[in-house]
Amino acid sequence: MEQKTEKSRYLNKKLGAILKTFRRENTNCTAAQFADDYNLDKGNLCRMENGIIDSRISNIWRVTEAMGVKLSDVIIALEKELGKDFKINNR
């Protein structure tokens, strides 16, 4: 199993912040309310939004779908936030 690098932790933090922003703007719900309303695990949602876990694409898609947001909109926001020069690999 690969250890988290500083860059992957940074990416997770940025993704989490974007998901949190999208949730707040599109649902006007707390994380707990949102999780309950859409049958999501509250703990996982909070860990995802706080950038603590590496989220699988299927979980991110499920969350964005519940928000009424396209997954591609989240990815585009993430790319803008990270900047055009961001690379997860050191090569």
N, C-alpha and C. Protein backbone atom coordinates (compact mmCIF):
# COMPACT_ATOMS: atom_id res chain seq x y z
N MET A 1 0.84 -1.18 0.00
CA MET A 1 0.00 0.00 0.00
C MET A 1 0.89 1.25 0.00
N GLU A 2 0.53 2.19 -0.82
CA GLU A 2 1.32 3.41 -0.96
C GLU A 2 1.01 4.38 0.18
N GLN A 3 2.06 4.97 0.74
CA GLN A 3 1.86 5.97 1.77
C GLN A 3 1.42 7.28 1.13
N LYS A 4 0.68 8.05 1.89
CA LYS A 4 0.26 9.34 1.40
C LYS A 4 1.45 10.28 1.33
N THR A 5 1.55 10.95 0.21
CA THR A 5 2.58 11.96 0.06
C THR A 5 2.00 13.30 0.46
N GLU A 6 2.85 14.25 0.63
CA GLU A 6 2.38 15.59 0.96
C GLU A 6 1.45 16.12 -0.14
N LYS A 7 1.78 15.81 -1.38
CA LYS A 7 0.94 16.27 -2.50
C LYS A 7 -0.43 15.61 -2.49
N SER A 8 -0.50 14.33 -2.17
CA SER A 8 -1.81 13.67 -2.13
C SER A 8 -2.64 14.19 -0.97
N ARG A 9 -2.00 14.50 0.16
CA ARG A 9 -2.73 15.10 1.28
C ARG A 9 -3.26 16.48 0.89
N TYR A 10 -2.44 17.24 0.18
CA TYR A 10 -2.84 18.57 -0.28
C TYR A 10 -4.04 18.45 -1.23
N LEU A 11 -3.96 17.52 -2.17
CA LEU A 11 -5.05 17.29 -3.11
C LEU A 11 -6.33 16.93 -2.36
N ASN A 12 -6.23 16.03 -1.38
CA ASN A 12 -7.40 15.62 -0.60
C ASN A 12 -8.02 16.80 0.15
N LYS A 13 -7.17 17.66 0.71
CA LYS A 13 -7.67 18.85 1.42
C LYS A 13 -8.42 19.78 0.48
N LYS A 14 -7.84 20.01 -0.69
CA LYS A 14 -8.48 20.90 -1.67
C LYS A 14 -9.80 20.31 -2.18
N LEU A 15 -9.79 19.02 -2.47
CA LEU A 15 -11.02 18.36 -2.92
C LEU A 15 -12.09 18.45 -1.85
N GLY A 16 -11.70 18.17 -0.62
CA GLY A 16 -12.66 18.24 0.49
C GLY A 16 -13.27 19.62 0.65
N ALA A 17 -12.44 20.64 0.56
CA ALA A 17 -12.93 22.01 0.68
C ALA A 17 -13.91 22.35 -0.44
N ILE A 18 -13.61 21.87 -1.63
CA ILE A 18 -14.51 22.11 -2.77
C ILE A 18 -15.83 21.39 -2.56
N LEU A 19 -15.78 20.15 -2.13
CA LEU A 19 -17.02 19.41 -1.86
C LEU A 19 -17.86 20.10 -0.80
N LYS A 20 -17.20 20.57 0.24
CA LYS A 20 -17.92 21.28 1.32
C LYS A 20 -18.58 22.54 0.79
N THR A 21 -17.85 23.29 -0.03
CA THR A 21 -18.40 24.51 -0.61
C THR A 21 -19.60 24.20 -1.51
N PHE A 22 -19.46 23.20 -2.36
CA PHE A 22 -20.57 22.81 -3.24
C PHE A 22 -21.77 22.36 -2.42
N ARG A 23 -21.54 21.60 -1.35
CA ARG A 23 -22.65 21.15 -0.49
C ARG A 23 -23.37 22.34 0.10
N ARG A 24 -22.62 23.26 0.66
CA ARG A 24 -23.23 24.42 1.31
C ARG A 24 -23.99 25.28 0.31
N GLU A 25 -23.41 25.49 -0.87
CA GLU A 25 -24.05 26.35 -1.87
C GLU A 25 -25.27 25.71 -2.51
N ASN A 26 -25.24 24.38 -2.68
CA ASN A 26 -26.30 23.72 -3.44
C ASN A 26 -27.37 23.05 -2.58
N THR A 27 -27.07 22.83 -1.32
CA THR A 27 -28.07 22.15 -0.48
C THR A 27 -28.48 22.94 0.74
N ASN A 28 -27.65 23.89 1.15
CA ASN A 28 -27.92 24.68 2.35
C ASN A 28 -28.15 23.78 3.56
N CYS A 29 -27.45 22.64 3.58
CA CYS A 29 -27.56 21.67 4.67
C CYS A 29 -26.24 21.53 5.40
N THR A 30 -26.31 21.14 6.66
CA THR A 30 -25.10 20.74 7.35
C THR A 30 -24.69 19.38 6.80
N ALA A 31 -23.47 18.98 7.10
CA ALA A 31 -23.00 17.67 6.65
C ALA A 31 -23.89 16.56 7.21
N ALA A 32 -24.29 16.69 8.47
CA ALA A 32 -25.14 15.67 9.11
C ALA A 32 -26.50 15.60 8.43
N GLN A 33 -27.10 16.75 8.16
CA GLN A 33 -28.41 16.77 7.48
C GLN A 33 -28.30 16.17 6.08
N PHE A 34 -27.27 16.59 5.37
CA PHE A 34 -27.06 16.10 4.01
C PHE A 34 -26.89 14.59 3.99
N ALA A 35 -26.05 14.09 4.89
CA ALA A 35 -25.81 12.64 4.97
C ALA A 35 -27.10 11.90 5.28
N ASP A 36 -27.88 12.41 6.21
CA ASP A 36 -29.15 11.76 6.55
C ASP A 36 -30.13 11.80 5.39
N ASP A 37 -30.24 12.95 4.75
CA ASP A 37 -31.20 13.11 3.64
C ASP A 37 -30.88 12.19 2.46
N TYR A 38 -29.60 11.91 2.23
CA TYR A 38 -29.21 11.15 1.05
C TYR A 38 -28.60 9.79 1.39
N ASN A 39 -28.84 9.34 2.60
CA ASN A 39 -28.41 8.00 3.03
C ASN A 39 -26.91 7.79 2.81
N LEU A 40 -26.14 8.79 3.22
CA LEU A 40 -24.68 8.72 3.14
C LEU A 40 -24.14 8.53 4.55
N ASP A 41 -22.97 7.93 4.65
CA ASP A 41 -22.33 7.76 5.95
C ASP A 41 -21.77 9.11 6.38
N LYS A 42 -22.27 9.63 7.50
CA LYS A 42 -21.87 10.96 7.97
C LYS A 42 -20.38 11.03 8.25
N GLY A 43 -19.84 10.00 8.88
CA GLY A 43 -18.41 9.99 9.19
C GLY A 43 -17.55 10.05 7.95
N ASN A 44 -17.90 9.26 6.94
CA ASN A 44 -17.14 9.27 5.69
C ASN A 44 -17.27 10.61 4.98
N LEU A 45 -18.47 11.17 4.99
CA LEU A 45 -18.66 12.48 4.35
C LEU A 45 -17.79 13.53 5.03
N CYS A 46 -17.77 13.53 6.35
CA CYS A 46 -16.95 14.51 7.08
C CYS A 46 -15.46 14.29 6.82
N ARG A 47 -15.02 13.02 6.79
CA ARG A 47 -13.62 12.73 6.49
C ARG A 47 -13.27 13.15 5.07
N MET A 48 -14.21 12.97 4.16
CA MET A 48 -14.00 13.36 2.77
C MET A 48 -13.88 14.89 2.68
N GLU A 49 -14.81 15.60 3.30
CA GLU A 49 -14.81 17.06 3.25
C GLU A 49 -13.62 17.67 3.97
N ASN A 50 -13.08 16.98 4.95
CA ASN A 50 -11.92 17.48 5.68
C ASN A 50 -10.60 17.00 5.09
N GLY A 51 -10.67 16.27 3.99
CA GLY A 51 -9.47 15.84 3.29
C GLY A 51 -8.68 14.78 4.03
N ILE A 52 -9.33 14.03 4.89
CA ILE A 52 -8.64 13.03 5.70
C ILE A 52 -8.46 11.72 4.94
N ILE A 53 -9.39 11.41 4.06
CA ILE A 53 -9.32 10.14 3.34
C ILE A 53 -9.13 10.36 1.85
N ASP A 54 -8.56 9.34 1.21
CA ASP A 54 -8.52 9.28 -0.25
C ASP A 54 -9.87 8.75 -0.70
N SER A 55 -10.63 9.59 -1.33
CA SER A 55 -11.98 9.20 -1.72
C SER A 55 -11.98 8.49 -3.06
N ARG A 56 -12.74 7.41 -3.13
CA ARG A 56 -12.91 6.72 -4.41
C ARG A 56 -13.81 7.56 -5.30
N ILE A 57 -13.57 7.45 -6.58
CA ILE A 57 -14.35 8.24 -7.56
C ILE A 57 -15.84 7.92 -7.44
N SER A 58 -16.17 6.67 -7.15
CA SER A 58 -17.59 6.31 -7.02
C SER A 58 -18.23 7.02 -5.83
N ASN A 59 -17.48 7.22 -4.75
CA ASN A 59 -18.04 7.93 -3.60
C ASN A 59 -18.18 9.42 -3.88
N ILE A 60 -17.20 9.99 -4.55
CA ILE A 60 -17.29 11.41 -4.91
C ILE A 60 -18.47 11.62 -5.85
N TRP A 61 -18.63 10.73 -6.80
CA TRP A 61 -19.73 10.83 -7.76
C TRP A 61 -21.07 10.76 -7.03
N ARG A 62 -21.18 9.84 -6.09
CA ARG A 62 -22.43 9.68 -5.33
C ARG A 62 -22.77 10.97 -4.56
N VAL A 63 -21.76 11.56 -3.96
CA VAL A 63 -21.97 12.79 -3.19
C VAL A 63 -22.37 13.94 -4.12
N THR A 64 -21.65 14.10 -5.23
CA THR A 64 -21.98 15.19 -6.15
C THR A 64 -23.36 15.01 -6.76
N GLU A 65 -23.71 13.77 -7.07
CA GLU A 65 -25.04 13.49 -7.60
C GLU A 65 -26.12 13.89 -6.60
N ALA A 66 -25.90 13.59 -5.34
CA ALA A 66 -26.86 13.97 -4.30
C ALA A 66 -26.97 15.49 -4.17
N MET A 67 -25.88 16.19 -4.46
CA MET A 67 -25.88 17.66 -4.41
C MET A 67 -26.55 18.27 -5.64
N GLY A 68 -26.74 17.47 -6.68
CA GLY A 68 -27.26 18.01 -7.92
C GLY A 68 -26.19 18.70 -8.75
N VAL A 69 -24.95 18.26 -8.56
CA VAL A 69 -23.80 18.85 -9.23
C VAL A 69 -23.14 17.78 -10.09
N LYS A 70 -22.64 18.18 -11.25
CA LYS A 70 -21.92 17.23 -12.08
C LYS A 70 -20.53 16.99 -11.50
N LEU A 71 -20.10 15.75 -11.54
CA LEU A 71 -18.76 15.39 -11.08
C LEU A 71 -17.71 16.22 -11.82
N SER A 72 -17.91 16.44 -13.10
CA SER A 72 -16.95 17.21 -13.89
C SER A 72 -16.80 18.64 -13.37
N ASP A 73 -17.87 19.22 -12.83
CA ASP A 73 -17.78 20.57 -12.26
C ASP A 73 -16.85 20.59 -11.05
N VAL A 74 -16.90 19.53 -10.25
CA VAL A 74 -16.03 19.43 -9.09
C VAL A 74 -14.58 19.26 -9.54
N ILE A 75 -14.37 18.42 -10.54
CA ILE A 75 -13.01 18.19 -11.04
C ILE A 75 -12.44 19.47 -11.65
N ILE A 76 -13.24 20.19 -12.38
CA ILE A 76 -12.78 21.46 -12.97
C ILE A 76 -12.42 22.45 -11.87
N ALA A 77 -13.25 22.54 -10.84
CA ALA A 77 -12.95 23.43 -9.71
C ALA A 77 -11.66 23.01 -9.01
N LEU A 78 -11.46 21.70 -8.88
CA LEU A 78 -10.24 21.18 -8.26
C LEU A 78 -9.01 21.53 -9.10
N GLU A 79 -9.11 21.34 -10.40
CA GLU A 79 -7.99 21.68 -11.28
C GLU A 79 -7.64 23.16 -11.19
N LYS A 80 -8.66 24.02 -11.15
CA LYS A 80 -8.41 25.46 -11.03
C LYS A 80 -7.76 25.79 -9.69
N GLU A 81 -8.23 25.15 -8.64
CA GLU A 81 -7.69 25.40 -7.30
C GLU A 81 -6.24 24.94 -7.18
N LEU A 82 -5.93 23.80 -7.77
CA LEU A 82 -4.57 23.26 -7.67
C LEU A 82 -3.58 24.00 -8.57
N GLY A 83 -4.07 24.55 -9.65
CA GLY A 83 -3.20 25.27 -10.58
C GLY A 83 -2.72 24.36 -11.70
N LYS A 84 -2.37 24.96 -12.81
CA LYS A 84 -2.01 24.18 -14.00
C LYS A 84 -0.71 23.42 -13.85
N ASP A 85 0.13 23.81 -12.93
CA ASP A 85 1.42 23.15 -12.77
C ASP A 85 1.42 22.03 -11.73
N PHE A 86 0.29 21.80 -11.07
CA PHE A 86 0.24 20.78 -10.02
C PHE A 86 0.38 19.39 -10.64
N LYS A 87 1.23 18.59 -10.06
CA LYS A 87 1.41 17.20 -10.47
C LYS A 87 1.49 16.36 -9.20
N ILE A 88 0.78 15.25 -9.19
CA ILE A 88 0.77 14.39 -8.02
C ILE A 88 2.08 13.59 -7.91
N ASN A 89 2.66 13.28 -9.07
CA ASN A 89 3.94 12.56 -9.10
C ASN A 89 5.08 13.55 -9.12
N ASN A 90 6.20 13.12 -8.61
CA ASN A 90 7.38 13.98 -8.58
C ASN A 90 8.16 13.95 -9.89
N ARG A 91 7.73 13.18 -10.83
CA ARG A 91 8.46 13.04 -12.10
C ARG A 91 7.98 14.01 -13.13
